[in-house]
Amino acid sequence: LLDQQKECFDFLLHSMERIAEDFGERVFYTSRGNRISIAFSL
């Protein structure tokens, strides 16, 4: 489960970065201090 969480976080991060690029938004650069939650600009 711990390994799966890390894999899913990386998957989520990259997915949100692609969506942000497509819609002119950005993902906050917080993964160095938070490996669970992600902030996506609106």
PDB file of all heavy atoms in Angstrom:
ATOM      1  N   LEU A   1       0.826  -1.209   0.000  1.00  0.00           N
ATOM      2  CA  LEU A   1       0.000   0.000   0.000  1.00  0.00           C
ATOM      3  C   LEU A   1       0.862   1.262   0.000  1.00  0.00           C
ATOM      4  O   LEU A   1       0.530   2.252  -0.667  1.00  0.00           O
ATOM      5  CB  LEU A   1      -0.923   0.002   1.222  1.00  0.00           C
ATOM      6  CG  LEU A   1      -2.164  -0.887   1.159  1.00  0.00           C
ATOM      7  CD1 LEU A   1      -2.819  -0.973   2.539  1.00  0.00           C
ATOM      8  CD2 LEU A   1      -3.164  -0.375   0.131  1.00  0.00           C
ATOM      9  N   LEU A   2       1.954   1.246   0.762  1.00  0.00           N
ATOM     10  CA  LEU A   2       2.855   2.397   0.784  1.00  0.00           C
ATOM     11  C   LEU A   2       3.458   2.648  -0.594  1.00  0.00           C
ATOM     12  O   LEU A   2       3.540   3.799  -1.052  1.00  0.00           O
ATOM     13  CB  LEU A   2       3.970   2.184   1.812  1.00  0.00           C
ATOM     14  CG  LEU A   2       3.558   2.142   3.291  1.00  0.00           C
ATOM     15  CD1 LEU A   2       4.774   1.853   4.166  1.00  0.00           C
ATOM     16  CD2 LEU A   2       2.900   3.442   3.719  1.00  0.00           C
ATOM     17  N   ASP A   3       3.870   1.578  -1.261  1.00  0.00           N
ATOM     18  CA  ASP A   3       4.436   1.714  -2.614  1.00  0.00           C
ATOM     19  C   ASP A   3       3.379   2.232  -3.590  1.00  0.00           C
ATOM     20  O   ASP A   3       3.662   3.082  -4.445  1.00  0.00           O
ATOM     21  CB  ASP A   3       4.978   0.369  -3.101  1.00  0.00           C
ATOM     22  CG  ASP A   3       6.230  -0.064  -2.354  1.00  0.00           C
ATOM     23  OD1 ASP A   3       6.891   0.791  -1.753  1.00  0.00           O
ATOM     24  OD2 ASP A   3       6.544  -1.280  -2.374  1.00  0.00           O
ATOM     25  N   GLN A   4       2.167   1.709  -3.452  1.00  0.00           N
ATOM     26  CA  GLN A   4       1.075   2.128  -4.336  1.00  0.00           C
ATOM     27  C   GLN A   4       0.755   3.600  -4.150  1.00  0.00           C
ATOM     28  O   GLN A   4       0.485   4.319  -5.128  1.00  0.00           O
ATOM     29  CB  GLN A   4      -0.162   1.282  -4.026  1.00  0.00           C
ATOM     30  CG  GLN A   4      -1.399   1.633  -4.840  1.00  0.00           C
ATOM     31  CD  GLN A   4      -2.592   0.788  -4.416  1.00  0.00           C
ATOM     32  OE1 GLN A   4      -2.628  -0.412  -4.651  1.00  0.00           O
ATOM     33  NE2 GLN A   4      -3.555   1.412  -3.761  1.00  0.00           N
ATOM     34  N   GLN A   5       0.819   4.084  -2.898  1.00  0.00           N
ATOM     35  CA  GLN A   5       0.551   5.499  -2.646  1.00  0.00           C
ATOM     36  C   GLN A   5       1.573   6.385  -3.357  1.00  0.00           C
ATOM     37  O   GLN A   5       1.217   7.397  -3.968  1.00  0.00           O
ATOM     38  CB  GLN A   5       0.570   5.776  -1.133  1.00  0.00           C
ATOM     39  CG  GLN A   5       0.114   7.179  -0.739  1.00  0.00           C
ATOM     40  CD  GLN A   5       1.216   8.230  -0.835  1.00  0.00           C
ATOM     41  OE1 GLN A   5       2.378   7.947  -0.559  1.00  0.00           O
ATOM     42  NE2 GLN A   5       0.842   9.453  -1.223  1.00  0.00           N
ATOM     43  N   LYS A   6       2.835   6.006  -3.305  1.00  0.00           N
ATOM     44  CA  LYS A   6       3.881   6.791  -3.972  1.00  0.00           C
ATOM     45  C   LYS A   6       3.673   6.807  -5.483  1.00  0.00           C
ATOM     46  O   LYS A   6       3.810   7.851  -6.135  1.00  0.00           O
ATOM     47  CB  LYS A   6       5.258   6.211  -3.632  1.00  0.00           C
ATOM     48  CG  LYS A   6       5.661   6.425  -2.190  1.00  0.00           C
ATOM     49  CD  LYS A   6       7.007   5.773  -1.887  1.00  0.00           C
ATOM     50  CE  LYS A   6       7.389   5.967  -0.426  1.00  0.00           C
ATOM     51  NZ  LYS A   6       8.655   5.281  -0.085  1.00  0.00           N
ATOM     52  N   GLU A   7       3.329   5.659  -6.033  1.00  0.00           N
ATOM     53  CA  GLU A   7       3.091   5.578  -7.480  1.00  0.00           C
ATOM     54  C   GLU A   7       1.884   6.418  -7.881  1.00  0.00           C
ATOM     55  O   GLU A   7       1.919   7.131  -8.898  1.00  0.00           O
ATOM     56  CB  GLU A   7       2.883   4.117  -7.889  1.00  0.00           C
ATOM     57  CG  GLU A   7       4.140   3.265  -7.757  1.00  0.00           C
ATOM     58  CD  GLU A   7       3.848   1.771  -7.892  1.00  0.00           C
ATOM     59  OE1 GLU A   7       2.666   1.415  -8.136  1.00  0.00           O
ATOM     60  OE2 GLU A   7       4.789   0.965  -7.737  1.00  0.00           O
ATOM     61  N   CYS A   8       0.823   6.347  -7.093  1.00  0.00           N
ATOM     62  CA  CYS A   8      -0.384   7.113  -7.411  1.00  0.00           C
ATOM     63  C   CYS A   8      -0.135   8.616  -7.276  1.00  0.00           C
ATOM     64  O   CYS A   8      -0.668   9.406  -8.067  1.00  0.00           O
ATOM     65  CB  CYS A   8      -1.538   6.688  -6.503  1.00  0.00           C
ATOM     66  SG  CYS A   8      -2.311   5.139  -7.002  1.00  0.00           S
ATOM     67  N   PHE A   9       0.669   9.014  -6.295  1.00  0.00           N
ATOM     68  CA  PHE A   9       0.975  10.441  -6.161  1.00  0.00           C
ATOM     69  C   PHE A   9       1.711  10.945  -7.404  1.00  0.00           C
ATOM     70  O   PHE A   9       1.370  12.005  -7.950  1.00  0.00           O
ATOM     71  CB  PHE A   9       1.816  10.709  -4.912  1.00  0.00           C
ATOM     72  CG  PHE A   9       2.201  12.157  -4.769  1.00  0.00           C
ATOM     73  CD1 PHE A   9       1.324  13.080  -4.219  1.00  0.00           C
ATOM     74  CD2 PHE A   9       3.427  12.618  -5.223  1.00  0.00           C
ATOM     75  CE1 PHE A   9       1.657  14.427  -4.115  1.00  0.00           C
ATOM     76  CE2 PHE A   9       3.778  13.956  -5.133  1.00  0.00           C
ATOM     77  CZ  PHE A   9       2.888  14.866  -4.576  1.00  0.00           C
ATOM     78  N   ASP A  10       2.706  10.209  -7.862  1.00  0.00           N
ATOM     79  CA  ASP A  10       3.446  10.624  -9.064  1.00  0.00           C
ATOM     80  C   ASP A  10       2.523  10.668 -10.284  1.00  0.00           C
ATOM     81  O   ASP A  10       2.602  11.594 -11.101  1.00  0.00           O
ATOM     82  CB  ASP A  10       4.605   9.659  -9.321  1.00  0.00           C
ATOM     83  CG  ASP A  10       5.735   9.826  -8.316  1.00  0.00           C
ATOM     84  OD1 ASP A  10       5.851  10.914  -7.726  1.00  0.00           O
ATOM     85  OD2 ASP A  10       6.496   8.861  -8.115  1.00  0.00           O
ATOM     86  N   PHE A  11       1.635   9.681 -10.392  1.00  0.00           N
ATOM     87  CA  PHE A  11       0.677   9.636 -11.494  1.00  0.00           C
ATOM     88  C   PHE A  11      -0.255  10.841 -11.438  1.00  0.00           C
ATOM     89  O   PHE A  11      -0.519  11.505 -12.451  1.00  0.00           O
ATOM     90  CB  PHE A  11      -0.102   8.323 -11.432  1.00  0.00           C
ATOM     91  CG  PHE A  11      -1.156   8.161 -12.481  1.00  0.00           C
ATOM     92  CD1 PHE A  11      -0.976   8.627 -13.786  1.00  0.00           C
ATOM     93  CD2 PHE A  11      -2.352   7.518 -12.189  1.00  0.00           C
ATOM     94  CE1 PHE A  11      -1.955   8.465 -14.764  1.00  0.00           C
ATOM     95  CE2 PHE A  11      -3.332   7.354 -13.144  1.00  0.00           C
ATOM     96  CZ  PHE A  11      -3.135   7.834 -14.431  1.00  0.00           C
ATOM     97  N   LEU A  12      -0.758  11.140 -10.228  1.00  0.00           N
ATOM     98  CA  LEU A  12      -1.658  12.280 -10.058  1.00  0.00           C
ATOM     99  C   LEU A  12      -0.933  13.590 -10.390  1.00  0.00           C
ATOM    100  O   LEU A  12      -1.482  14.449 -11.096  1.00  0.00           O
ATOM    101  CB  LEU A  12      -2.178  12.320  -8.621  1.00  0.00           C
ATOM    102  CG  LEU A  12      -3.081  13.505  -8.251  1.00  0.00           C
ATOM    103  CD1 LEU A  12      -4.360  13.500  -9.071  1.00  0.00           C
ATOM    104  CD2 LEU A  12      -3.410  13.478  -6.752  1.00  0.00           C
ATOM    105  N   LEU A  13       0.286  13.732  -9.914  1.00  0.00           N
ATOM    106  CA  LEU A  13       1.052  14.948 -10.159  1.00  0.00           C
ATOM    107  C   LEU A  13       1.255  15.181 -11.650  1.00  0.00           C
ATOM    108  O   LEU A  13       0.991  16.284 -12.164  1.00  0.00           O
ATOM    109  CB  LEU A  13       2.402  14.858  -9.446  1.00  0.00           C
ATOM    110  CG  LEU A  13       3.363  16.040  -9.617  1.00  0.00           C
ATOM    111  CD1 LEU A  13       2.739  17.335  -9.110  1.00  0.00           C
ATOM    112  CD2 LEU A  13       4.689  15.758  -8.916  1.00  0.00           C
ATOM    113  N   HIS A  14       1.682  14.164 -12.360  1.00  0.00           N
ATOM    114  CA  HIS A  14       1.925  14.312 -13.799  1.00  0.00           C
ATOM    115  C   HIS A  14       0.625  14.546 -14.564  1.00  0.00           C
ATOM    116  O   HIS A  14       0.587  15.322 -15.531  1.00  0.00           O
ATOM    117  CB  HIS A  14       2.646  13.074 -14.333  1.00  0.00           C
ATOM    118  CG  HIS A  14       4.010  12.888 -13.726  1.00  0.00           C
ATOM    119  ND1 HIS A  14       4.559  11.646 -13.464  1.00  0.00           N
ATOM    120  CD2 HIS A  14       4.923  13.803 -13.309  1.00  0.00           C
ATOM    121  CE1 HIS A  14       5.755  11.810 -12.925  1.00  0.00           C
ATOM    122  NE2 HIS A  14       5.993  13.102 -12.813  1.00  0.00           N
ATOM    123  N   SER A  15      -0.452  13.897 -14.128  1.00  0.00           N
ATOM    124  CA  SER A  15      -1.757  14.093 -14.780  1.00  0.00           C
ATOM    125  C   SER A  15      -2.243  15.528 -14.616  1.00  0.00           C
ATOM    126  O   SER A  15      -2.724  16.163 -15.571  1.00  0.00           O
ATOM    127  CB  SER A  15      -2.794  13.141 -14.175  1.00  0.00           C
ATOM    128  OG  SER A  15      -2.429  11.803 -14.365  1.00  0.00           O
ATOM    129  N   MET A  16      -2.097  16.067 -13.396  1.00  0.00           N
ATOM    130  CA  MET A  16      -2.550  17.428 -13.140  1.00  0.00           C
ATOM    131  C   MET A  16      -1.678  18.446 -13.874  1.00  0.00           C
ATOM    132  O   MET A  16      -2.170  19.489 -14.325  1.00  0.00           O
ATOM    133  CB  MET A  16      -2.537  17.710 -11.632  1.00  0.00           C
ATOM    134  CG  MET A  16      -3.494  16.836 -10.820  1.00  0.00           C
ATOM    135  SD  MET A  16      -5.234  17.007 -11.301  1.00  0.00           S
ATOM    136  CE  MET A  16      -5.611  18.605 -10.614  1.00  0.00           C
ATOM    137  N   GLU A  17      -0.404  18.147 -14.015  1.00  0.00           N
ATOM    138  CA  GLU A  17       0.481  19.043 -14.777  1.00  0.00           C
ATOM    139  C   GLU A  17       0.063  19.108 -16.242  1.00  0.00           C
ATOM    140  O   GLU A  17       0.087  20.192 -16.853  1.00  0.00           O
ATOM    141  CB  GLU A  17       1.933  18.563 -14.653  1.00  0.00           C
ATOM    142  CG  GLU A  17       2.550  18.858 -13.286  1.00  0.00           C
ATOM    143  CD  GLU A  17       3.926  18.246 -13.104  1.00  0.00           C
ATOM    144  OE1 GLU A  17       4.266  17.306 -13.872  1.00  0.00           O
ATOM    145  OE2 GLU A  17       4.651  18.672 -12.200  1.00  0.00           O
ATOM    146  N   ARG A  18      -0.363  17.982 -16.804  1.00  0.00           N
ATOM    147  CA  ARG A  18      -0.823  17.980 -18.207  1.00  0.00           C
ATOM    148  C   ARG A  18      -2.117  18.772 -18.362  1.00  0.00           C
ATOM    149  O   ARG A  18      -2.287  19.530 -19.324  1.00  0.00           O
ATOM    150  CB  ARG A  18      -1.010  16.538 -18.692  1.00  0.00           C
ATOM    151  CG  ARG A  18       0.310  15.796 -18.918  1.00  0.00           C
ATOM    152  CD  ARG A  18       0.100  14.524 -19.709  1.00  0.00           C
ATOM    153  NE  ARG A  18      -0.701  13.543 -18.979  1.00  0.00           N
ATOM    154  CZ  ARG A  18      -0.192  12.635 -18.151  1.00  0.00           C
ATOM    155  NH1 ARG A  18       1.113  12.593 -17.924  1.00  0.00           N
ATOM    156  NH2 ARG A  18      -0.978  11.774 -17.539  1.00  0.00           N
ATOM    157  N   ILE A  19      -3.038  18.596 -17.409  1.00  0.00           N
ATOM    158  CA  ILE A  19      -4.292  19.348 -17.467  1.00  0.00           C
ATOM    159  C   ILE A  19      -4.012  20.851 -17.318  1.00  0.00           C
ATOM    160  O   ILE A  19      -4.587  21.683 -18.033  1.00  0.00           O
ATOM    161  CB  ILE A  19      -5.264  18.871 -16.366  1.00  0.00           C
ATOM    162  CG1 ILE A  19      -5.655  17.411 -16.602  1.00  0.00           C
ATOM    163  CG2 ILE A  19      -6.517  19.746 -16.321  1.00  0.00           C
ATOM    164  CD1 ILE A  19      -6.484  16.797 -15.486  1.00  0.00           C
ATOM    165  N   ALA A  20      -3.119  21.189 -16.393  1.00  0.00           N
ATOM    166  CA  ALA A  20      -2.772  22.599 -16.186  1.00  0.00           C
ATOM    167  C   ALA A  20      -2.204  23.212 -17.459  1.00  0.00           C
ATOM    168  O   ALA A  20      -2.555  24.348 -17.839  1.00  0.00           O
ATOM    169  CB  ALA A  20      -1.760  22.715 -15.038  1.00  0.00           C
ATOM    170  N   GLU A  21      -1.362  22.479 -18.139  1.00  0.00           N
ATOM    171  CA  GLU A  21      -0.762  22.979 -19.381  1.00  0.00           C
ATOM    172  C   GLU A  21      -1.829  23.204 -20.444  1.00  0.00           C
ATOM    173  O   GLU A  21      -1.803  24.202 -21.168  1.00  0.00           O
ATOM    174  CB  GLU A  21       0.283  21.984 -19.873  1.00  0.00           C
ATOM    175  CG  GLU A  21       1.047  22.459 -21.099  1.00  0.00           C
ATOM    176  CD  GLU A  21       2.126  21.482 -21.526  1.00  0.00           C
ATOM    177  OE1 GLU A  21       2.396  20.519 -20.787  1.00  0.00           O
ATOM    178  OE2 GLU A  21       2.685  21.680 -22.625  1.00  0.00           O
ATOM    179  N   ASP A  22      -2.786  22.289 -20.518  1.00  0.00           N
ATOM    180  CA  ASP A  22      -3.841  22.391 -21.539  1.00  0.00           C
ATOM    181  C   ASP A  22      -4.811  23.540 -21.267  1.00  0.00           C
ATOM    182  O   ASP A  22      -5.421  24.071 -22.209  1.00  0.00           O
ATOM    183  CB  ASP A  22      -4.621  21.078 -21.626  1.00  0.00           C
ATOM    184  CG  ASP A  22      -3.780  19.939 -22.186  1.00  0.00           C
ATOM    185  OD1 ASP A  22      -2.721  20.226 -22.783  1.00  0.00           O
ATOM    186  OD2 ASP A  22      -4.167  18.764 -22.005  1.00  0.00           O
ATOM    187  N   PHE A  23      -4.972  23.927 -19.998  1.00  0.00           N
ATOM    188  CA  PHE A  23      -5.976  24.942 -19.658  1.00  0.00           C
ATOM    189  C   PHE A  23      -5.341  26.243 -19.154  1.00  0.00           C
ATOM    190  O   PHE A  23      -6.039  27.090 -18.584  1.00  0.00           O
ATOM    191  CB  PHE A  23      -6.945  24.390 -18.610  1.00  0.00           C
ATOM    192  CG  PHE A  23      -7.921  23.382 -19.178  1.00  0.00           C
ATOM    193  CD1 PHE A  23      -7.595  22.030 -19.215  1.00  0.00           C
ATOM    194  CD2 PHE A  23      -9.134  23.786 -19.691  1.00  0.00           C
ATOM    195  CE1 PHE A  23      -8.468  21.097 -19.735  1.00  0.00           C
ATOM    196  CE2 PHE A  23     -10.027  22.861 -20.212  1.00  0.00           C
ATOM    197  CZ  PHE A  23      -9.692  21.511 -20.246  1.00  0.00           C
ATOM    198  N   GLY A  24      -4.056  26.406 -19.350  1.00  0.00           N
ATOM    199  CA  GLY A  24      -3.405  27.652 -18.965  1.00  0.00           C
ATOM    200  C   GLY A  24      -3.309  27.860 -17.466  1.00  0.00           C
ATOM    201  O   GLY A  24      -3.298  29.007 -17.000  1.00  0.00           O
ATOM    202  N   GLU A  25      -3.245  26.770 -16.716  1.00  0.00           N
ATOM    203  CA  GLU A  25      -3.096  26.852 -15.261  1.00  0.00           C
ATOM    204  C   GLU A  25      -1.741  26.261 -14.868  1.00  0.00           C
ATOM    205  O   GLU A  25      -0.925  25.960 -15.730  1.00  0.00           O
ATOM    206  CB  GLU A  25      -4.242  26.101 -14.559  1.00  0.00           C
ATOM    207  CG  GLU A  25      -5.633  26.644 -14.862  1.00  0.00           C
ATOM    208  CD  GLU A  25      -5.872  28.033 -14.261  1.00  0.00           C
ATOM    209  OE1 GLU A  25      -5.037  28.509 -13.462  1.00  0.00           O
ATOM    210  OE2 GLU A  25      -6.895  28.662 -14.600  1.00  0.00           O
ATOM    211  N   ARG A  26      -1.518  26.083 -13.585  1.00  0.00           N
ATOM    212  CA  ARG A  26      -0.269  25.473 -13.159  1.00  0.00           C
ATOM    213  C   ARG A  26      -0.482  24.673 -11.881  1.00  0.00           C
ATOM    214  O   ARG A  26      -1.425  24.923 -11.109  1.00  0.00           O
ATOM    215  CB  ARG A  26       0.809  26.527 -12.932  1.00  0.00           C
ATOM    216  CG  ARG A  26       0.616  27.403 -11.717  1.00  0.00           C
ATOM    217  CD  ARG A  26       1.679  28.488 -11.619  1.00  0.00           C
ATOM    218  NE  ARG A  26       1.607  29.204 -10.349  1.00  0.00           N
ATOM    219  CZ  ARG A  26       2.270  28.860  -9.254  1.00  0.00           C
ATOM    220  NH1 ARG A  26       3.062  27.785  -9.273  1.00  0.00           N
ATOM    221  NH2 ARG A  26       2.164  29.558  -8.141  1.00  0.00           N
ATOM    222  N   VAL A  27       0.406  23.716 -11.654  1.00  0.00           N
ATOM    223  CA  VAL A  27       0.425  22.953 -10.407  1.00  0.00           C
ATOM    224  C   VAL A  27       1.466  23.586  -9.500  1.00  0.00           C
ATOM    225  O   VAL A  27       2.596  23.839  -9.924  1.00  0.00           O
ATOM    226  CB  VAL A  27       0.758  21.466 -10.669  1.00  0.00           C
ATOM    227  CG1 VAL A  27       0.956  20.719  -9.357  1.00  0.00           C
ATOM    228  CG2 VAL A  27      -0.350  20.811 -11.491  1.00  0.00           C
ATOM    229  N   PHE A  28       1.099  23.873  -8.274  1.00  0.00           N
ATOM    230  CA  PHE A  28       2.029  24.488  -7.330  1.00  0.00           C
ATOM    231  C   PHE A  28       3.212  23.548  -7.090  1.00  0.00           C
ATOM    232  O   PHE A  28       3.042  22.325  -6.989  1.00  0.00           O
ATOM    233  CB  PHE A  28       1.336  24.773  -5.996  1.00  0.00           C
ATOM    234  CG  PHE A  28       0.330  25.898  -6.029  1.00  0.00           C
ATOM    235  CD1 PHE A  28      -0.520  26.079  -7.118  1.00  0.00           C
ATOM    236  CD2 PHE A  28       0.216  26.761  -4.962  1.00  0.00           C
ATOM    237  CE1 PHE A  28      -1.458  27.104  -7.145  1.00  0.00           C
ATOM    238  CE2 PHE A  28      -0.711  27.789  -4.968  1.00  0.00           C
ATOM    239  CZ  PHE A  28      -1.549  27.962  -6.065  1.00  0.00           C
ATOM    240  N   TYR A  29       4.379  24.138  -6.941  1.00  0.00           N
ATOM    241  CA  TYR A  29       5.588  23.353  -6.729  1.00  0.00           C
ATOM    242  C   TYR A  29       5.727  23.056  -5.232  1.00  0.00           C
ATOM    243  O   TYR A  29       6.424  23.740  -4.490  1.00  0.00           O
ATOM    244  CB  TYR A  29       6.809  24.114  -7.249  1.00  0.00           C
ATOM    245  CG  TYR A  29       8.125  23.397  -7.035  1.00  0.00           C
ATOM    246  CD1 TYR A  29       8.308  22.088  -7.479  1.00  0.00           C
ATOM    247  CD2 TYR A  29       9.175  24.031  -6.377  1.00  0.00           C
ATOM    248  CE1 TYR A  29       9.513  21.425  -7.273  1.00  0.00           C
ATOM    249  CE2 TYR A  29      10.387  23.383  -6.170  1.00  0.00           C
ATOM    250  CZ  TYR A  29      10.537  22.073  -6.614  1.00  0.00           C
ATOM    251  OH  TYR A  29      11.734  21.423  -6.401  1.00  0.00           O
ATOM    252  N   THR A  30       5.026  22.023  -4.786  1.00  0.00           N
ATOM    253  CA  THR A  30       5.007  21.699  -3.349  1.00  0.00           C
ATOM    254  C   THR A  30       5.413  20.261  -3.058  1.00  0.00           C
ATOM    255  O   THR A  30       5.461  19.872  -1.887  1.00  0.00           O
ATOM    256  CB  THR A  30       3.591  21.919  -2.768  1.00  0.00           C
ATOM    257  OG1 THR A  30       2.658  21.102  -3.482  1.00  0.00           O
ATOM    258  CG2 THR A  30       3.172  23.379  -2.882  1.00  0.00           C
ATOM    259  N   SER A  31       5.721  19.486  -4.077  1.00  0.00           N
ATOM    260  CA  SER A  31       5.965  18.053  -3.864  1.00  0.00           C
ATOM    261  C   SER A  31       7.215  17.783  -3.030  1.00  0.00           C
ATOM    262  O   SER A  31       7.360  16.700  -2.466  1.00  0.00           O
ATOM    263  CB  SER A  31       6.065  17.318  -5.203  1.00  0.00           C
ATOM    264  OG  SER A  31       7.086  17.851  -6.006  1.00  0.00           O
ATOM    265  N   ARG A  32       8.107  18.768  -2.907  1.00  0.00           N
ATOM    266  CA  ARG A  32       9.301  18.550  -2.079  1.00  0.00           C
ATOM    267  C   ARG A  32       8.956  18.584  -0.589  1.00  0.00           C
ATOM    268  O   ARG A  32       9.762  18.155   0.250  1.00  0.00           O
ATOM    269  CB  ARG A  32      10.366  19.607  -2.394  1.00  0.00           C
ATOM    270  CG  ARG A  32      10.006  21.020  -1.966  1.00  0.00           C
ATOM    271  CD  ARG A  32      10.927  22.054  -2.597  1.00  0.00           C
ATOM    272  NE  ARG A  32      10.707  23.394  -2.073  1.00  0.00           N
ATOM    273  CZ  ARG A  32       9.703  24.181  -2.438  1.00  0.00           C
ATOM    274  NH1 ARG A  32       8.808  23.742  -3.317  1.00  0.00           N
ATOM    275  NH2 ARG A  32       9.584  25.400  -1.928  1.00  0.00           N
ATOM    276  N   GLY A  33       7.761  19.089  -0.248  1.00  0.00           N
ATOM    277  CA  GLY A  33       7.365  19.154   1.156  1.00  0.00           C
ATOM    278  C   GLY A  33       6.010  18.550   1.442  1.00  0.00           C
ATOM    279  O   GLY A  33       5.539  18.564   2.585  1.00  0.00           O
ATOM    280  N   ASN A  34       5.357  18.021   0.416  1.00  0.00           N
ATOM    281  CA  ASN A  34       4.048  17.400   0.583  1.00  0.00           C
ATOM    282  C   ASN A  34       3.886  16.339  -0.501  1.00  0.00           C
ATOM    283  O   ASN A  34       3.751  16.684  -1.681  1.00  0.00           O
ATOM    284  CB  ASN A  34       2.938  18.451   0.480  1.00  0.00           C
ATOM    285  CG  ASN A  34       1.582  17.910   0.897  1.00  0.00           C
ATOM    286  OD1 ASN A  34       1.298  16.725   0.738  1.00  0.00           O
ATOM    287  ND2 ASN A  34       0.744  18.788   1.432  1.00  0.00           N
ATOM    288  N   ARG A  35       3.919  15.074  -0.094  1.00  0.00           N
ATOM    289  CA  ARG A  35       3.848  13.971  -1.062  1.00  0.00           C
ATOM    290  C   ARG A  35       2.506  13.248  -0.989  1.00  0.00           C
ATOM    291  O   ARG A  35       2.401  12.070  -1.328  1.00  0.00           O
ATOM    292  CB  ARG A  35       4.983  12.980  -0.812  1.00  0.00           C
ATOM    293  CG  ARG A  35       6.384  13.558  -0.953  1.00  0.00           C
ATOM    294  CD  ARG A  35       6.756  13.830  -2.392  1.00  0.00           C
ATOM    295  NE  ARG A  35       6.780  12.613  -3.202  1.00  0.00           N
ATOM    296  CZ  ARG A  35       6.974  12.594  -4.514  1.00  0.00           C
ATOM    297  NH1 ARG A  35       7.128  13.741  -5.184  1.00  0.00           N
ATOM    298  NH2 ARG A  35       6.993  11.454  -5.175  1.00  0.00           N
ATOM    299  N   ILE A  36       1.482  13.975  -0.566  1.00  0.00           N
ATOM    300  CA  ILE A  36       0.129  13.416  -0.535  1.00  0.00           C
ATOM    301  C   ILE A  36      -0.840  14.320  -1.297  1.00  0.00           C
ATOM    302  O   ILE A  36      -1.601  13.869  -2.139  1.00  0.00           O
ATOM    303  CB  ILE A  36      -0.365  13.221   0.910  1.00  0.00           C
ATOM    304  CG1 ILE A  36       0.539  12.227   1.662  1.00  0.00           C
ATOM    305  CG2 ILE A  36      -1.812  12.714   0.924  1.00  0.00           C
ATOM    306  CD1 ILE A  36       0.237  12.113   3.143  1.00  0.00           C
ATOM    307  N   SER A  37      -0.781  15.626  -1.004  1.00  0.00           N
ATOM    308  CA  SER A  37      -1.741  16.579  -1.554  1.00  0.00           C
ATOM    309  C   SER A  37      -1.085  17.468  -2.611  1.00  0.00           C
ATOM    310  O   SER A  37       0.113  17.750  -2.559  1.00  0.00           O
ATOM    311  CB  SER A  37      -2.306  17.444  -0.418  1.00  0.00           C
ATOM    312  OG  SER A  37      -3.194  18.415  -0.902  1.00  0.00           O
ATOM    313  N   ILE A  38      -1.903  17.907  -3.583  1.00  0.00           N
ATOM    314  CA  ILE A  38      -1.441  18.736  -4.697  1.00  0.00           C
ATOM    315  C   ILE A  38      -2.388  19.926  -4.842  1.00  0.00           C
ATOM    316  O   ILE A  38      -3.611  19.781  -4.687  1.00  0.00           O
ATOM    317  CB  ILE A  38      -1.429  17.922  -6.015  1.00  0.00           C
ATOM    318  CG1 ILE A  38      -0.366  16.826  -5.954  1.00  0.00           C
ATOM    319  CG2 ILE A  38      -1.214  18.816  -7.231  1.00  0.00           C
ATOM    320  CD1 ILE A  38      -0.466  15.809  -7.067  1.00  0.00           C
ATOM    321  N   ALA A  39      -1.820  21.098  -5.146  1.00  0.00           N
ATOM    322  CA  ALA A  39      -2.631  22.302  -5.388  1.00  0.00           C
ATOM    323  C   ALA A  39      -2.565  22.671  -6.870  1.00  0.00           C
ATOM    324  O   ALA A  39      -1.484  22.756  -7.454  1.00  0.00           O
ATOM    325  CB  ALA A  39      -2.141  23.463  -4.535  1.00  0.00           C
ATOM    326  N   PHE A  40      -3.749  22.904  -7.455  1.00  0.00           N
ATOM    327  CA  PHE A  40      -3.908  23.191  -8.886  1.00  0.00           C
ATOM    328  C   PHE A  40      -4.545  24.563  -9.007  1.00  0.00           C
ATOM    329  O   PHE A  40      -5.634  24.806  -8.471  1.00  0.00           O
ATOM    330  CB  PHE A  40      -4.797  22.100  -9.501  1.00  0.00           C
ATOM    331  CG  PHE A  40      -5.138  22.270 -10.949  1.00  0.00           C
ATOM    332  CD1 PHE A  40      -4.379  21.651 -11.934  1.00  0.00           C
ATOM    333  CD2 PHE A  40      -6.247  23.013 -11.334  1.00  0.00           C
ATOM    334  CE1 PHE A  40      -4.714  21.777 -13.273  1.00  0.00           C
ATOM    335  CE2 PHE A  40      -6.587  23.156 -12.678  1.00  0.00           C
ATOM    336  CZ  PHE A  40      -5.809  22.533 -13.651  1.00  0.00           C
ATOM    337  N   SER A  41      -3.890  25.490  -9.688  1.00  0.00           N
ATOM    338  CA  SER A  41      -4.392  26.868  -9.750  1.00  0.00           C
ATOM    339  C   SER A  41      -5.690  26.972 -10.548  1.00  0.00           C
ATOM    340  O   SER A  41      -5.923  26.219 -11.496  1.00  0.00           O
ATOM    341  CB  SER A  41      -3.339  27.783 -10.378  1.00  0.00           C
ATOM    342  OG  SER A  41      -3.269  27.600 -11.780  1.00  0.00           O
ATOM    343  N   LEU A  42      -6.524  27.911 -10.114  1.00  0.00           N
ATOM    344  CA  LEU A  42      -7.743  28.288 -10.848  1.00  0.00           C
ATOM    345  C   LEU A  42      -7.681  29.797 -11.070  1.00  0.00           C
ATOM    346  O   LEU A  42      -8.552  30.563 -10.664  1.00  0.00           O
ATOM    347  CB  LEU A  42      -8.991  27.898 -10.050  1.00  0.00           C
ATOM    348  CG  LEU A  42      -9.171  26.403  -9.751  1.00  0.00           C
ATOM    349  CD1 LEU A  42     -10.340  26.182  -8.808  1.00  0.00           C
ATOM    350  CD2 LEU A  42      -9.377  25.609 -11.050  1.00  0.00           C
TER     351      LEU A  42
END
